[in-house]
């Protein structure tokens, strides 16, 4: 009997993520800060999945404490904290470019969930 690879969609609940992890999924966890509001994304082999509620709405948090509790409860131990803030200032003529997903993950801060 072979075990099929578990694929997550664009959105996943904590329960679906836990089930996928039981089947061997080991995602890179990104906690993204957007001006004090946090969301959680999971990266695995090119796919990008947003942590959502049962209705498919992206979960948002006002701090990392609840994220740490939720993800730690299903066995995830660490992730990367990234920022999605403004990267230039058009008022004074400073151009910027939005960082790529790879740049954000490479330059993020490692955080623990346990």
C-alpha atoms as a PDB file:
ATOM      1  CA  UNK A   1       0.000   0.000   0.000  1.00  0.00           C
ATOM      2  CA  UNK A   2       1.437   3.395  -0.972  1.00  0.00           C
ATOM      3  CA  UNK A   3       0.820   6.655   0.815  1.00  0.00           C
ATOM      4  CA  UNK A   4      -0.304   9.484  -1.448  1.00  0.00           C
ATOM      5  CA  UNK A   5       1.327  12.877  -1.154  1.00  0.00           C
ATOM      6  CA  UNK A   6      -1.028  15.287   0.573  1.00  0.00           C
ATOM      7  CA  UNK A   7      -1.642  18.549  -1.296  1.00  0.00           C
ATOM      8  CA  UNK A   8      -3.168  21.605   0.352  1.00  0.00           C
ATOM      9  CA  UNK A   9      -5.255  24.074  -1.620  1.00  0.00           C
ATOM     10  CA  UNK A  10      -5.098  27.862  -1.518  1.00  0.00           C
ATOM     11  CA  UNK A  11      -6.670  27.841   1.958  1.00  0.00           C
ATOM     12  CA  UNK A  12      -6.468  25.302   4.769  1.00  0.00           C
ATOM     13  CA  UNK A  13      -7.880  24.964   8.243  1.00  0.00           C
ATOM     14  CA  UNK A  14      -5.796  23.949  11.235  1.00  0.00           C
ATOM     15  CA  UNK A  15      -7.521  20.544  11.210  1.00  0.00           C
ATOM     16  CA  UNK A  16      -6.722  19.961   7.523  1.00  0.00           C
ATOM     17  CA  UNK A  17      -3.115  21.003   8.115  1.00  0.00           C
ATOM     18  CA  UNK A  18      -2.825  18.605  11.053  1.00  0.00           C
ATOM     19  CA  UNK A  19      -4.184  15.754   8.913  1.00  0.00           C
ATOM     20  CA  UNK A  20      -1.749  16.590   6.107  1.00  0.00           C
ATOM     21  CA  UNK A  21       1.155  16.612   8.560  1.00  0.00           C
ATOM     22  CA  UNK A  22       0.088  13.173   9.814  1.00  0.00           C
ATOM     23  CA  UNK A  23       0.476  12.006   6.209  1.00  0.00           C
ATOM     24  CA  UNK A  24       3.983  13.408   5.898  1.00  0.00           C
ATOM     25  CA  UNK A  25       3.573  17.068   4.956  1.00  0.00           C
ATOM     26  CA  UNK A  26       6.358  19.219   6.407  1.00  0.00           C
ATOM     27  CA  UNK A  27       5.694  22.807   5.302  1.00  0.00           C
ATOM     28  CA  UNK A  28       7.785  25.924   5.741  1.00  0.00           C
ATOM     29  CA  UNK A  29       5.680  28.197   7.983  1.00  0.00           C
ATOM     30  CA  UNK A  30       5.545  31.925   7.265  1.00  0.00           C
ATOM     31  CA  UNK A  31       4.004  34.344   9.739  1.00  0.00           C
ATOM     32  CA  UNK A  32       3.487  37.569   7.804  1.00  0.00           C
ATOM     33  CA  UNK A  33       3.172  40.914   9.567  1.00  0.00           C
ATOM     34  CA  UNK A  34       1.184  43.612   7.805  1.00  0.00           C
ATOM     35  CA  UNK A  35       1.160  46.775   9.929  1.00  0.00           C
ATOM     36  CA  UNK A  36       0.477  44.858  13.159  1.00  0.00           C
ATOM     37  CA  UNK A  37      -1.913  42.272  11.720  1.00  0.00           C
ATOM     38  CA  UNK A  38      -0.546  38.782  11.208  1.00  0.00           C
ATOM     39  CA  UNK A  39      -1.492  36.014   8.793  1.00  0.00           C
ATOM     40  CA  UNK A  40      -0.015  32.527   8.400  1.00  0.00           C
ATOM     41  CA  UNK A  41       1.073  30.892   5.149  1.00  0.00           C
ATOM     42  CA  UNK A  42       2.490  27.451   4.492  1.00  0.00           C
ATOM     43  CA  UNK A  43       4.978  26.745   1.704  1.00  0.00           C
ATOM     44  CA  UNK A  44       5.631  23.279   0.347  1.00  0.00           C
ATOM     45  CA  UNK A  45       7.220  22.520  -3.001  1.00  0.00           C
ATOM     46  CA  UNK A  46       6.046  25.665  -4.769  1.00  0.00           C
ATOM     47  CA  UNK A  47       2.542  25.706  -3.298  1.00  0.00           C
ATOM     48  CA  UNK A  48       1.406  28.548  -1.057  1.00  0.00           C
ATOM     49  CA  UNK A  49      -1.457  27.950   1.385  1.00  0.00           C
ATOM     50  CA  UNK A  50      -3.174  30.466   3.682  1.00  0.00           C
ATOM     51  CA  UNK A  51      -4.401  29.461   7.172  1.00  0.00           C
ATOM     52  CA  UNK A  52      -8.170  29.989   7.102  1.00  0.00           C
ATOM     53  CA  UNK A  53     -11.355  29.325   9.015  1.00  0.00           C
ATOM     54  CA  UNK A  54     -13.973  26.718   8.055  1.00  0.00           C
ATOM     55  CA  UNK A  55     -15.582  29.160   5.607  1.00  0.00           C
ATOM     56  CA  UNK A  56     -12.295  29.770   3.740  1.00  0.00           C
ATOM     57  CA  UNK A  57     -11.668  33.248   5.182  1.00  0.00           C
ATOM     58  CA  UNK A  58      -8.036  34.026   5.980  1.00  0.00           C
ATOM     59  CA  UNK A  59      -7.399  34.032   9.721  1.00  0.00           C
ATOM     60  CA  UNK A  60      -5.875  37.243  11.069  1.00  0.00           C
ATOM     61  CA  UNK A  61      -4.189  37.769  14.419  1.00  0.00           C
ATOM     62  CA  UNK A  62      -3.195  40.857  16.432  1.00  0.00           C
ATOM     63  CA  UNK A  63      -0.072  39.219  17.843  1.00  0.00           C
ATOM     64  CA  UNK A  64       2.013  36.089  17.565  1.00  0.00           C
ATOM     65  CA  UNK A  65       0.967  34.481  20.881  1.00  0.00           C
ATOM     66  CA  UNK A  66      -2.185  32.820  19.547  1.00  0.00           C
ATOM     67  CA  UNK A  67      -0.331  31.729  16.399  1.00  0.00           C
ATOM     68  CA  UNK A  68       2.349  30.121  18.580  1.00  0.00           C
ATOM     69  CA  UNK A  69      -0.293  28.251  20.596  1.00  0.00           C
ATOM     70  CA  UNK A  70      -2.241  27.017  17.556  1.00  0.00           C
ATOM     71  CA  UNK A  71       0.720  25.860  15.508  1.00  0.00           C
ATOM     72  CA  UNK A  72       2.569  24.422  18.503  1.00  0.00           C
ATOM     73  CA  UNK A  73      -0.509  22.387  19.393  1.00  0.00           C
ATOM     74  CA  UNK A  74      -0.252  20.420  16.120  1.00  0.00           C
ATOM     75  CA  UNK A  75       3.490  19.842  16.350  1.00  0.00           C
ATOM     76  CA  UNK A  76       4.972  22.719  14.363  1.00  0.00           C
ATOM     77  CA  UNK A  77       8.047  24.056  16.123  1.00  0.00           C
ATOM     78  CA  UNK A  78       9.239  27.083  14.155  1.00  0.00           C
ATOM     79  CA  UNK A  79       8.637  29.408  11.242  1.00  0.00           C
ATOM     80  CA  UNK A  80       9.780  32.624   9.593  1.00  0.00           C
ATOM     81  CA  UNK A  81       8.377  36.043  10.489  1.00  0.00           C
ATOM     82  CA  UNK A  82       8.208  38.310   7.430  1.00  0.00           C
ATOM     83  CA  UNK A  83       7.029  41.860   6.858  1.00  0.00           C
ATOM     84  CA  UNK A  84       4.853  43.143   4.049  1.00  0.00           C
ATOM     85  CA  UNK A  85       5.157  46.863   4.631  1.00  0.00           C
ATOM     86  CA  UNK A  86       5.658  49.740   2.264  1.00  0.00           C
ATOM     87  CA  UNK A  87       9.064  49.610   0.595  1.00  0.00           C
ATOM     88  CA  UNK A  88       9.421  53.164  -0.754  1.00  0.00           C
ATOM     89  CA  UNK A  89       8.278  56.698  -0.103  1.00  0.00           C
ATOM     90  CA  UNK A  90       6.674  58.419  -3.063  1.00  0.00           C
ATOM     91  CA  UNK A  91       6.294  61.659  -1.063  1.00  0.00           C
ATOM     92  CA  UNK A  92      10.053  62.267  -1.199  1.00  0.00           C
ATOM     93  CA  UNK A  93      10.758  60.388  -4.432  1.00  0.00           C
ATOM     94  CA  UNK A  94      12.297  57.243  -2.969  1.00  0.00           C
ATOM     95  CA  UNK A  95      11.437  54.368  -5.238  1.00  0.00           C
ATOM     96  CA  UNK A  96      11.254  50.873  -3.954  1.00  0.00           C
ATOM     97  CA  UNK A  97      10.369  47.444  -5.174  1.00  0.00           C
ATOM     98  CA  UNK A  98       8.232  44.943  -3.404  1.00  0.00           C
ATOM     99  CA  UNK A  99      10.381  42.053  -2.195  1.00  0.00           C
ATOM    100  CA  UNK A 100       9.780  38.682  -3.780  1.00  0.00           C
ATOM    101  CA  UNK A 101       8.453  35.781  -1.729  1.00  0.00           C
ATOM    102  CA  UNK A 102      11.924  34.219  -1.751  1.00  0.00           C
ATOM    103  CA  UNK A 103      13.531  37.467  -0.513  1.00  0.00           C
ATOM    104  CA  UNK A 104      11.005  37.804   2.319  1.00  0.00           C
ATOM    105  CA  UNK A 105      11.563  34.218   3.493  1.00  0.00           C
ATOM    106  CA  UNK A 106      15.352  34.489   3.197  1.00  0.00           C
ATOM    107  CA  UNK A 107      15.493  37.755   5.165  1.00  0.00           C
ATOM    108  CA  UNK A 108      12.780  37.024   7.722  1.00  0.00           C
ATOM    109  CA  UNK A 109      13.254  36.342  11.416  1.00  0.00           C
ATOM    110  CA  UNK A 110      13.114  32.768  12.677  1.00  0.00           C
ATOM    111  CA  UNK A 111      10.449  32.318  15.368  1.00  0.00           C
ATOM    112  CA  UNK A 112       9.582  29.386  17.643  1.00  0.00           C
ATOM    113  CA  UNK A 113       6.143  27.930  18.386  1.00  0.00           C
ATOM    114  CA  UNK A 114       7.075  25.723  21.342  1.00  0.00           C
END
